């Protein structure tokens, strides 16, 4: 396996990791933005108010996107194993 093939596998792996983490990151950012906006408008600066909603939303999004993520991860693994003969020579 040459360096170009290793780079190709790592590129695909990083792309897959970004796709799998995107729903969680986007939902956490959106909730943080909304809570920060709410805190700014009301003047309430409680630290637990920022953490608890974000944790709840990330947990719910993770549970909802888990079947999609597992399906995508299994597909990536199967593609990697079926095309592994290309990388070994």
PDB file of N, CA and C in Angstrom:
ATOM      1  N   UNK A   1       0.856  -1.165   0.000  1.00  0.00           N
ATOM      2  CA  UNK A   1       0.000   0.000   0.000  1.00  0.00           C
ATOM      3  C   UNK A   1       0.902   1.228   0.000  1.00  0.00           C
ATOM      4  N   UNK A   2       0.684   2.089  -0.962  1.00  0.00           N
ATOM      5  CA  UNK A   2       1.497   3.282  -1.099  1.00  0.00           C
ATOM      6  C   UNK A   2       0.938   4.459  -0.312  1.00  0.00           C
ATOM      7  N   UNK A   3       1.700   5.533  -0.286  1.00  0.00           N
ATOM      8  CA  UNK A   3       1.244   6.716   0.454  1.00  0.00           C
ATOM      9  C   UNK A   3      -0.031   7.328  -0.128  1.00  0.00           C
ATOM     10  N   UNK A   4      -0.191   7.282  -1.441  1.00  0.00           N
ATOM     11  CA  UNK A   4      -1.396   7.855  -2.040  1.00  0.00           C
ATOM     12  C   UNK A   4      -2.645   7.079  -1.657  1.00  0.00           C
ATOM     13  N   UNK A   5      -2.534   5.773  -1.531  1.00  0.00           N
ATOM     14  CA  UNK A   5      -3.681   4.968  -1.114  1.00  0.00           C
ATOM     15  C   UNK A   5      -4.002   5.185   0.362  1.00  0.00           C
ATOM     16  N   UNK A   6      -2.951   5.365   1.159  1.00  0.00           N
ATOM     17  CA  UNK A   6      -3.173   5.645   2.571  1.00  0.00           C
ATOM     18  C   UNK A   6      -3.866   6.987   2.750  1.00  0.00           C
ATOM     19  N   UNK A   7      -3.439   7.968   1.978  1.00  0.00           N
ATOM     20  CA  UNK A   7      -4.072   9.287   2.033  1.00  0.00           C
ATOM     21  C   UNK A   7      -5.526   9.200   1.580  1.00  0.00           C
ATOM     22  N   UNK A   8      -5.801   8.397   0.569  1.00  0.00           N
ATOM     23  CA  UNK A   8      -7.178   8.242   0.091  1.00  0.00           C
ATOM     24  C   UNK A   8      -8.069   7.619   1.161  1.00  0.00           C
ATOM     25  N   UNK A   9      -7.574   6.596   1.843  1.00  0.00           N
ATOM     26  CA  UNK A   9      -8.351   5.962   2.914  1.00  0.00           C
ATOM     27  C   UNK A   9      -8.588   6.948   4.051  1.00  0.00           C
ATOM     28  N   UNK A  10      -7.567   7.702   4.432  1.00  0.00           N
ATOM     29  CA  UNK A  10      -7.707   8.670   5.514  1.00  0.00           C
ATOM     30  C   UNK A  10      -8.659   9.803   5.129  1.00  0.00           C
ATOM     31  N   UNK A  11      -8.633  10.219   3.861  1.00  0.00           N
ATOM     32  CA  UNK A  11      -9.545  11.259   3.398  1.00  0.00           C
ATOM     33  C   UNK A  11     -10.990  10.781   3.496  1.00  0.00           C
ATOM     34  N   UNK A  12     -11.232   9.547   3.065  1.00  0.00           N
ATOM     35  CA  UNK A  12     -12.585   8.991   3.157  1.00  0.00           C
ATOM     36  C   UNK A  12     -13.017   8.832   4.611  1.00  0.00           C
ATOM     37  N   UNK A  13     -12.078   8.434   5.463  1.00  0.00           N
ATOM     38  CA  UNK A  13     -12.381   8.261   6.881  1.00  0.00           C
ATOM     39  C   UNK A  13     -12.732   9.593   7.533  1.00  0.00           C
ATOM     40  N   UNK A  14     -11.983  10.640   7.222  1.00  0.00           N
ATOM     41  CA  UNK A  14     -12.260  11.962   7.795  1.00  0.00           C
ATOM     42  C   UNK A  14     -13.590  12.522   7.288  1.00  0.00           C
ATOM     43  N   UNK A  15     -13.895  12.285   6.021  1.00  0.00           N
ATOM     44  CA  UNK A  15     -15.172  12.726   5.469  1.00  0.00           C
ATOM     45  C   UNK A  15     -16.331  12.012   6.159  1.00  0.00           C
ATOM     46  N   UNK A  16     -16.158  10.734   6.401  1.00  0.00           N
ATOM     47  CA  UNK A  16     -17.203   9.959   7.081  1.00  0.00           C
ATOM     48  C   UNK A  16     -17.374  10.442   8.521  1.00  0.00           C
ATOM     49  N   UNK A  17     -16.281  10.740   9.196  1.00  0.00           N
ATOM     50  CA  UNK A  17     -16.366  11.250  10.567  1.00  0.00           C
ATOM     51  C   UNK A  17     -17.068  12.606  10.612  1.00  0.00           C
ATOM     52  N   UNK A  18     -16.807  13.451   9.636  1.00  0.00           N
ATOM     53  CA  UNK A  18     -17.494  14.749   9.578  1.00  0.00           C
ATOM     54  C   UNK A  18     -18.984  14.568   9.325  1.00  0.00           C
ATOM     55  N   UNK A  19     -19.335  13.650   8.450  1.00  0.00           N
ATOM     56  CA  UNK A  19     -20.750  13.421   8.159  1.00  0.00           C
ATOM     57  C   UNK A  19     -21.486  12.862   9.380  1.00  0.00           C
ATOM     58  N   UNK A  20     -20.817  11.984  10.133  1.00  0.00           N
ATOM     59  CA  UNK A  20     -21.463  11.388  11.298  1.00  0.00           C
ATOM     60  C   UNK A  20     -21.602  12.376  12.457  1.00  0.00           C
ATOM     61  N   UNK A  21     -20.666  13.297  12.576  1.00  0.00           N
ATOM     62  CA  UNK A  21     -20.723  14.246  13.691  1.00  0.00           C
ATOM     63  C   UNK A  21     -21.507  15.510  13.351  1.00  0.00           C
ATOM     64  N   UNK A  22     -21.829  15.730  12.098  1.00  0.00           N
ATOM     65  CA  UNK A  22     -22.507  16.965  11.687  1.00  0.00           C
ATOM     66  C   UNK A  22     -23.857  17.194  12.371  1.00  0.00           C
ATOM     67  N   UNK A  23     -24.756  16.209  12.462  1.00  0.00           N
ATOM     68  CA  UNK A  23     -26.043  16.494  13.115  1.00  0.00           C
ATOM     69  C   UNK A  23     -25.894  16.920  14.575  1.00  0.00           C
ATOM     70  N   UNK A  24     -24.971  16.289  15.285  1.00  0.00           N
ATOM     71  CA  UNK A  24     -24.774  16.640  16.688  1.00  0.00           C
ATOM     72  C   UNK A  24     -24.180  18.031  16.837  1.00  0.00           C
ATOM     73  N   UNK A  25     -23.188  18.344  16.025  1.00  0.00           N
ATOM     74  CA  UNK A  25     -22.548  19.652  16.115  1.00  0.00           C
ATOM     75  C   UNK A  25     -23.485  20.780  15.709  1.00  0.00           C
ATOM     76  N   UNK A  26     -24.246  20.567  14.659  1.00  0.00           N
ATOM     77  CA  UNK A  26     -25.174  21.601  14.194  1.00  0.00           C
ATOM     78  C   UNK A  26     -26.267  21.854  15.230  1.00  0.00           C
ATOM     79  N   UNK A  27     -26.801  20.786  15.808  1.00  0.00           N
ATOM     80  CA  UNK A  27     -27.851  20.976  16.816  1.00  0.00           C
ATOM     81  C   UNK A  27     -27.289  21.639  18.072  1.00  0.00           C
ATOM     82  N   UNK A  28     -26.087  21.283  18.493  1.00  0.00           N
ATOM     83  CA  UNK A  28     -25.485  21.911  19.667  1.00  0.00           C
ATOM     84  C   UNK A  28     -25.215  23.392  19.416  1.00  0.00           C
ATOM     85  N   UNK A  29     -24.751  23.726  18.239  1.00  0.00           N
ATOM     86  CA  UNK A  29     -24.511  25.141  17.898  1.00  0.00           C
ATOM     87  C   UNK A  29     -25.807  25.928  17.856  1.00  0.00           C
ATOM     88  N   UNK A  30     -26.846  25.350  17.281  1.00  0.00           N
ATOM     89  CA  UNK A  30     -28.127  26.046  17.187  1.00  0.00           C
ATOM     90  C   UNK A  30     -28.723  26.291  18.568  1.00  0.00           C
ATOM     91  N   UNK A  31     -28.666  25.292  19.428  1.00  0.00           N
ATOM     92  CA  UNK A  31     -29.205  25.455  20.777  1.00  0.00           C
ATOM     93  C   UNK A  31     -28.383  26.471  21.559  1.00  0.00           C
ATOM     94  N   UNK A  32     -27.081  26.433  21.422  1.00  0.00           N
ATOM     95  CA  UNK A  32     -26.229  27.406  22.112  1.00  0.00           C
ATOM     96  C   UNK A  32     -26.546  28.823  21.663  1.00  0.00           C
ATOM     97  N   UNK A  33     -26.753  28.993  20.370  1.00  0.00           N
ATOM     98  CA  UNK A  33     -27.087  30.315  19.849  1.00  0.00           C
ATOM     99  C   UNK A  33     -28.431  30.799  20.398  1.00  0.00           C
ATOM    100  N   UNK A  34     -29.432  29.923  20.402  1.00  0.00           N
ATOM    101  CA  UNK A  34     -30.747  30.310  20.910  1.00  0.00           C
ATOM    102  C   UNK A  34     -30.720  30.618  22.406  1.00  0.00           C
ATOM    103  N   UNK A  35     -30.007  29.816  23.168  1.00  0.00           N
ATOM    104  CA  UNK A  35     -29.931  30.050  24.612  1.00  0.00           C
ATOM    105  C   UNK A  35     -29.149  31.326  24.897  1.00  0.00           C
ATOM    106  N   UNK A  36     -28.086  31.567  24.161  1.00  0.00           N
ATOM    107  CA  UNK A  36     -27.327  32.803  24.350  1.00  0.00           C
ATOM    108  C   UNK A  36     -28.173  34.022  24.005  1.00  0.00           C
ATOM    109  N   UNK A  37     -28.944  33.920  22.943  1.00  0.00           N
ATOM    110  CA  UNK A  37     -29.837  35.011  22.571  1.00  0.00           C
ATOM    111  C   UNK A  37     -30.883  35.242  23.654  1.00  0.00           C
ATOM    112  N   UNK A  38     -31.453  34.168  24.177  1.00  0.00           N
ATOM    113  CA  UNK A  38     -32.435  34.269  25.249  1.00  0.00           C
ATOM    114  C   UNK A  38     -31.821  34.880  26.503  1.00  0.00           C
ATOM    115  N   UNK A  39     -30.604  34.475  26.841  1.00  0.00           N
ATOM    116  CA  UNK A  39     -29.934  35.035  28.011  1.00  0.00           C
ATOM    117  C   UNK A  39     -29.633  36.519  27.828  1.00  0.00           C
ATOM    118  N   UNK A  40     -29.245  36.897  26.630  1.00  0.00           N
ATOM    119  CA  UNK A  40     -28.948  38.298  26.364  1.00  0.00           C
ATOM    120  C   UNK A  40     -30.213  39.141  26.458  1.00  0.00           C
ATOM    121  N   UNK A  41     -31.308  38.639  25.925  1.00  0.00           N
ATOM    122  CA  UNK A  41     -32.558  39.406  25.943  1.00  0.00           C
ATOM    123  C   UNK A  41     -33.158  39.516  27.333  1.00  0.00           C
ATOM    124  N   UNK A  42     -33.015  38.479  28.151  1.00  0.00           N
ATOM    125  CA  UNK A  42     -33.628  38.496  29.479  1.00  0.00           C
ATOM    126  C   UNK A  42     -32.675  38.982  30.561  1.00  0.00           C
ATOM    127  N   UNK A  43     -31.385  38.926  30.318  1.00  0.00           N
ATOM    128  CA  UNK A  43     -30.419  39.354  31.331  1.00  0.00           C
ATOM    129  C   UNK A  43     -30.086  38.276  32.336  1.00  0.00           C
ATOM    130  N   UNK A  44     -30.584  37.065  32.148  1.00  0.00           N
ATOM    131  CA  UNK A  44     -30.283  35.951  33.049  1.00  0.00           C
ATOM    132  C   UNK A  44     -28.961  35.330  32.597  1.00  0.00           C
ATOM    133  N   UNK A  45     -27.998  35.284  33.503  1.00  0.00           N
ATOM    134  CA  UNK A  45     -26.675  34.748  33.155  1.00  0.00           C
ATOM    135  C   UNK A  45     -26.356  33.506  33.992  1.00  0.00           C
ATOM    136  N   UNK A  46     -27.225  32.546  33.966  1.00  0.00           N
ATOM    137  CA  UNK A  46     -27.023  31.313  34.718  1.00  0.00           C
ATOM    138  C   UNK A  46     -26.251  30.313  33.855  1.00  0.00           C
ATOM    139  N   UNK A  47     -25.177  29.735  34.401  1.00  0.00           N
ATOM    140  CA  UNK A  47     -24.321  28.831  33.633  1.00  0.00           C
ATOM    141  C   UNK A  47     -25.000  27.496  33.330  1.00  0.00           C
ATOM    142  N   UNK A  48     -25.815  27.005  34.250  1.00  0.00           N
ATOM    143  CA  UNK A  48     -26.476  25.719  33.997  1.00  0.00           C
ATOM    144  C   UNK A  48     -27.529  25.844  32.906  1.00  0.00           C
ATOM    145  N   UNK A  49     -28.004  27.043  32.684  1.00  0.00           N
ATOM    146  CA  UNK A  49     -29.013  27.251  31.645  1.00  0.00           C
ATOM    147  C   UNK A  49     -28.445  26.999  30.252  1.00  0.00           C
ATOM    148  N   UNK A  50     -27.141  27.151  30.081  1.00  0.00           N
ATOM    149  CA  UNK A  50     -26.540  26.901  28.771  1.00  0.00           C
ATOM    150  C   UNK A  50     -26.215  25.427  28.568  1.00  0.00           C
ATOM    151  N   UNK A  51     -25.833  24.735  29.619  1.00  0.00           N
ATOM    152  CA  UNK A  51     -25.370  23.354  29.478  1.00  0.00           C
ATOM    153  C   UNK A  51     -26.513  22.349  29.380  1.00  0.00           C
ATOM    154  N   UNK A  52     -27.520  22.494  30.206  1.00  0.00           N
ATOM    155  CA  UNK A  52     -28.581  21.491  30.275  1.00  0.00           C
ATOM    156  C   UNK A  52     -29.375  21.373  28.971  1.00  0.00           C
ATOM    157  N   UNK A  53     -29.850  22.466  28.373  1.00  0.00           N
ATOM    158  CA  UNK A  53     -30.579  22.303  27.103  1.00  0.00           C
ATOM    159  C   UNK A  53     -29.711  21.727  25.995  1.00  0.00           C
ATOM    160  N   UNK A  54     -28.448  22.123  25.973  1.00  0.00           N
ATOM    161  CA  UNK A  54     -27.551  21.600  24.936  1.00  0.00           C
ATOM    162  C   UNK A  54     -27.369  20.092  25.105  1.00  0.00           C
ATOM    163  N   UNK A  55     -27.183  19.633  26.332  1.00  0.00           N
ATOM    164  CA  UNK A  55     -27.032  18.190  26.566  1.00  0.00           C
ATOM    165  C   UNK A  55     -28.294  17.423  26.189  1.00  0.00           C
ATOM    166  N   UNK A  56     -29.443  17.965  26.531  1.00  0.00           N
ATOM    167  CA  UNK A  56     -30.700  17.290  26.217  1.00  0.00           C
ATOM    168  C   UNK A  56     -30.907  17.207  24.703  1.00  0.00           C
ATOM    169  N   UNK A  57     -30.675  18.315  24.011  1.00  0.00           N
ATOM    170  CA  UNK A  57     -30.875  18.327  22.560  1.00  0.00           C
ATOM    171  C   UNK A  57     -29.881  17.412  21.862  1.00  0.00           C
ATOM    172  N   UNK A  58     -28.626  17.422  22.287  1.00  0.00           N
ATOM    173  CA  UNK A  58     -27.632  16.539  21.670  1.00  0.00           C
ATOM    174  C   UNK A  58     -27.999  15.078  21.915  1.00  0.00           C
ATOM    175  N   UNK A  59     -28.485  14.759  23.110  1.00  0.00           N
ATOM    176  CA  UNK A  59     -28.903  13.382  23.393  1.00  0.00           C
ATOM    177  C   UNK A  59     -30.078  12.971  22.506  1.00  0.00           C
ATOM    178  N   UNK A  60     -31.066  13.843  22.358  1.00  0.00           N
ATOM    179  CA  UNK A  60     -32.238  13.519  21.524  1.00  0.00           C
ATOM    180  C   UNK A  60     -31.833  13.364  20.066  1.00  0.00           C
ATOM    181  N   UNK A  61     -31.002  14.275  19.573  1.00  0.00           N
ATOM    182  CA  UNK A  61     -30.558  14.188  18.176  1.00  0.00           C
ATOM    183  C   UNK A  61     -29.728  12.927  17.967  1.00  0.00           C
ATOM    184  N   UNK A  62     -28.913  12.564  18.951  1.00  0.00           N
ATOM    185  CA  UNK A  62     -28.111  11.357  18.825  1.00  0.00           C
ATOM    186  C   UNK A  62     -28.995  10.112  18.761  1.00  0.00           C
ATOM    187  N   UNK A  63     -30.023  10.074  19.590  1.00  0.00           N
ATOM    188  CA  UNK A  63     -30.924   8.922  19.566  1.00  0.00           C
ATOM    189  C   UNK A  63     -31.713   8.857  18.252  1.00  0.00           C
ATOM    190  N   UNK A  64     -32.090  10.019  17.715  1.00  0.00           N
ATOM    191  CA  UNK A  64     -32.839  10.032  16.464  1.00  0.00           C
ATOM    192  C   UNK A  64     -31.965   9.711  15.254  1.00  0.00           C
ATOM    193  N   UNK A  65     -30.704  10.127  15.287  1.00  0.00           N
ATOM    194  CA  UNK A  65     -29.835   9.903  14.129  1.00  0.00           C
ATOM    195  C   UNK A  65     -28.994   8.634  14.254  1.00  0.00           C
ATOM    196  N   UNK A  66     -29.156   7.894  15.336  1.00  0.00           N
ATOM    197  CA  UNK A  66     -28.356   6.679  15.528  1.00  0.00           C
ATOM    198  C   UNK A  66     -28.587   5.621  14.449  1.00  0.00           C
ATOM    199  N   UNK A  67     -29.822   5.325  14.031  1.00  0.00           N
ATOM    200  CA  UNK A  67     -29.983   4.327  12.955  1.00  0.00           C
ATOM    201  C   UNK A  67     -29.303   4.756  11.654  1.00  0.00           C
ATOM    202  N   UNK A  68     -29.415   6.033  11.299  1.00  0.00           N
ATOM    203  CA  UNK A  68     -28.756   6.545  10.109  1.00  0.00           C
ATOM    204  C   UNK A  68     -27.239   6.429  10.233  1.00  0.00           C
ATOM    205  N   UNK A  69     -26.707   6.765  11.405  1.00  0.00           N
ATOM    206  CA  UNK A  69     -25.265   6.733  11.612  1.00  0.00           C
ATOM    207  C   UNK A  69     -24.726   5.302  11.559  1.00  0.00           C
ATOM    208  N   UNK A  70     -25.444   4.372  12.160  1.00  0.00           N
ATOM    209  CA  UNK A  70     -25.002   2.974  12.132  1.00  0.00           C
ATOM    210  C   UNK A  70     -25.065   2.431  10.706  1.00  0.00           C
ATOM    211  N   UNK A  71     -26.125   2.746   9.992  1.00  0.00           N
ATOM    212  CA  UNK A  71     -26.245   2.306   8.600  1.00  0.00           C
ATOM    213  C   UNK A  71     -25.100   2.862   7.757  1.00  0.00           C
ATOM    214  N   UNK A  72     -24.795   4.123   7.947  1.00  0.00           N
ATOM    215  CA  UNK A  72     -23.708   4.766   7.188  1.00  0.00           C
ATOM    216  C   UNK A  72     -22.349   4.170   7.566  1.00  0.00           C
ATOM    217  N   UNK A  73     -22.138   3.909   8.834  1.00  0.00           N
ATOM    218  CA  UNK A  73     -20.873   3.346   9.291  1.00  0.00           C
ATOM    219  C   UNK A  73     -20.682   1.913   8.811  1.00  0.00           C
ATOM    220  N   UNK A  74     -21.749   1.131   8.820  1.00  0.00           N
ATOM    221  CA  UNK A  74     -21.668  -0.244   8.306  1.00  0.00           C
ATOM    222  C   UNK A  74     -21.390  -0.230   6.806  1.00  0.00           C
ATOM    223  N   UNK A  75     -22.039   0.672   6.082  1.00  0.00           N
ATOM    224  CA  UNK A  75     -21.778   0.787   4.647  1.00  0.00           C
ATOM    225  C   UNK A  75     -20.343   1.177   4.353  1.00  0.00           C
ATOM    226  N   UNK A  76     -19.802   2.107   5.132  1.00  0.00           N
ATOM    227  CA  UNK A  76     -18.406   2.513   4.949  1.00  0.00           C
ATOM    228  C   UNK A  76     -17.462   1.341   5.213  1.00  0.00           C
ATOM    229  N   UNK A  77     -17.728   0.594   6.271  1.00  0.00           N
ATOM    230  CA  UNK A  77     -16.875  -0.544   6.606  1.00  0.00           C
ATOM    231  C   UNK A  77     -16.943  -1.623   5.534  1.00  0.00           C
ATOM    232  N   UNK A  78     -18.144  -1.893   5.034  1.00  0.00           N
ATOM    233  CA  UNK A  78     -18.277  -2.892   3.971  1.00  0.00           C
ATOM    234  C   UNK A  78     -17.562  -2.452   2.693  1.00  0.00           C
ATOM    235  N   UNK A  79     -17.699  -1.168   2.330  1.00  0.00           N
ATOM    236  CA  UNK A  79     -16.979  -0.658   1.157  1.00  0.00           C
ATOM    237  C   UNK A  79     -15.471  -0.753   1.353  1.00  0.00           C
ATOM    238  N   UNK A  80     -15.011  -0.480   2.547  1.00  0.00           N
ATOM    239  CA  UNK A  80     -13.578  -0.547   2.829  1.00  0.00           C
ATOM    240  C   UNK A  80     -13.077  -1.983   2.713  1.00  0.00           C
ATOM    241  N   UNK A  81     -13.813  -2.929   3.267  1.00  0.00           N
ATOM    242  CA  UNK A  81     -13.374  -4.327   3.216  1.00  0.00           C
ATOM    243  C   UNK A  81     -13.501  -4.921   1.823  1.00  0.00           C
ATOM    244  N   UNK A  82     -14.535  -4.545   1.073  1.00  0.00           N
ATOM    245  CA  UNK A  82     -14.672  -5.113  -0.274  1.00  0.00           C
ATOM    246  C   UNK A  82     -13.644  -4.534  -1.241  1.00  0.00           C
ATOM    247  N   UNK A  83     -13.206  -3.312  -1.017  1.00  0.00           N
ATOM    248  CA  UNK A  83     -12.203  -2.696  -1.887  1.00  0.00           C
ATOM    249  C   UNK A  83     -10.793  -2.801  -1.323  1.00  0.00           C
ATOM    250  N   UNK A  84     -10.631  -3.584  -0.275  1.00  0.00           N
ATOM    251  CA  UNK A  84      -9.319  -3.678   0.367  1.00  0.00           C
ATOM    252  C   UNK A  84      -8.279  -4.324  -0.539  1.00  0.00           C
ATOM    253  N   UNK A  85      -8.714  -5.175  -1.459  1.00  0.00           N
ATOM    254  CA  UNK A  85      -7.773  -5.815  -2.383  1.00  0.00           C
ATOM    255  C   UNK A  85      -7.097  -4.780  -3.281  1.00  0.00           C
ATOM    256  N   UNK A  86      -7.773  -3.647  -3.533  1.00  0.00           N
ATOM    257  CA  UNK A  86      -7.155  -2.575  -4.327  1.00  0.00           C
ATOM    258  C   UNK A  86      -5.952  -1.966  -3.620  1.00  0.00           C
ATOM    259  N   UNK A  87      -6.026  -1.910  -2.290  1.00  0.00           N
ATOM    260  CA  UNK A  87      -4.989  -1.254  -1.517  1.00  0.00           C
ATOM    261  C   UNK A  87      -3.799  -2.173  -1.242  1.00  0.00           C
ATOM    262  N   UNK A  88      -4.024  -3.481  -1.272  1.00  0.00           N
ATOM    263  CA  UNK A  88      -2.926  -4.407  -0.983  1.00  0.00           C
ATOM    264  C   UNK A  88      -2.096  -4.725  -2.207  1.00  0.00           C
ATOM    265  N   UNK A  89      -2.637  -4.489  -3.361  1.00  0.00           N
ATOM    266  CA  UNK A  89      -1.847  -4.714  -4.563  1.00  0.00           C
ATOM    267  C   UNK A  89      -2.346  -5.827  -5.327  1.00  0.00           C
TER     268      UNK A  89
END
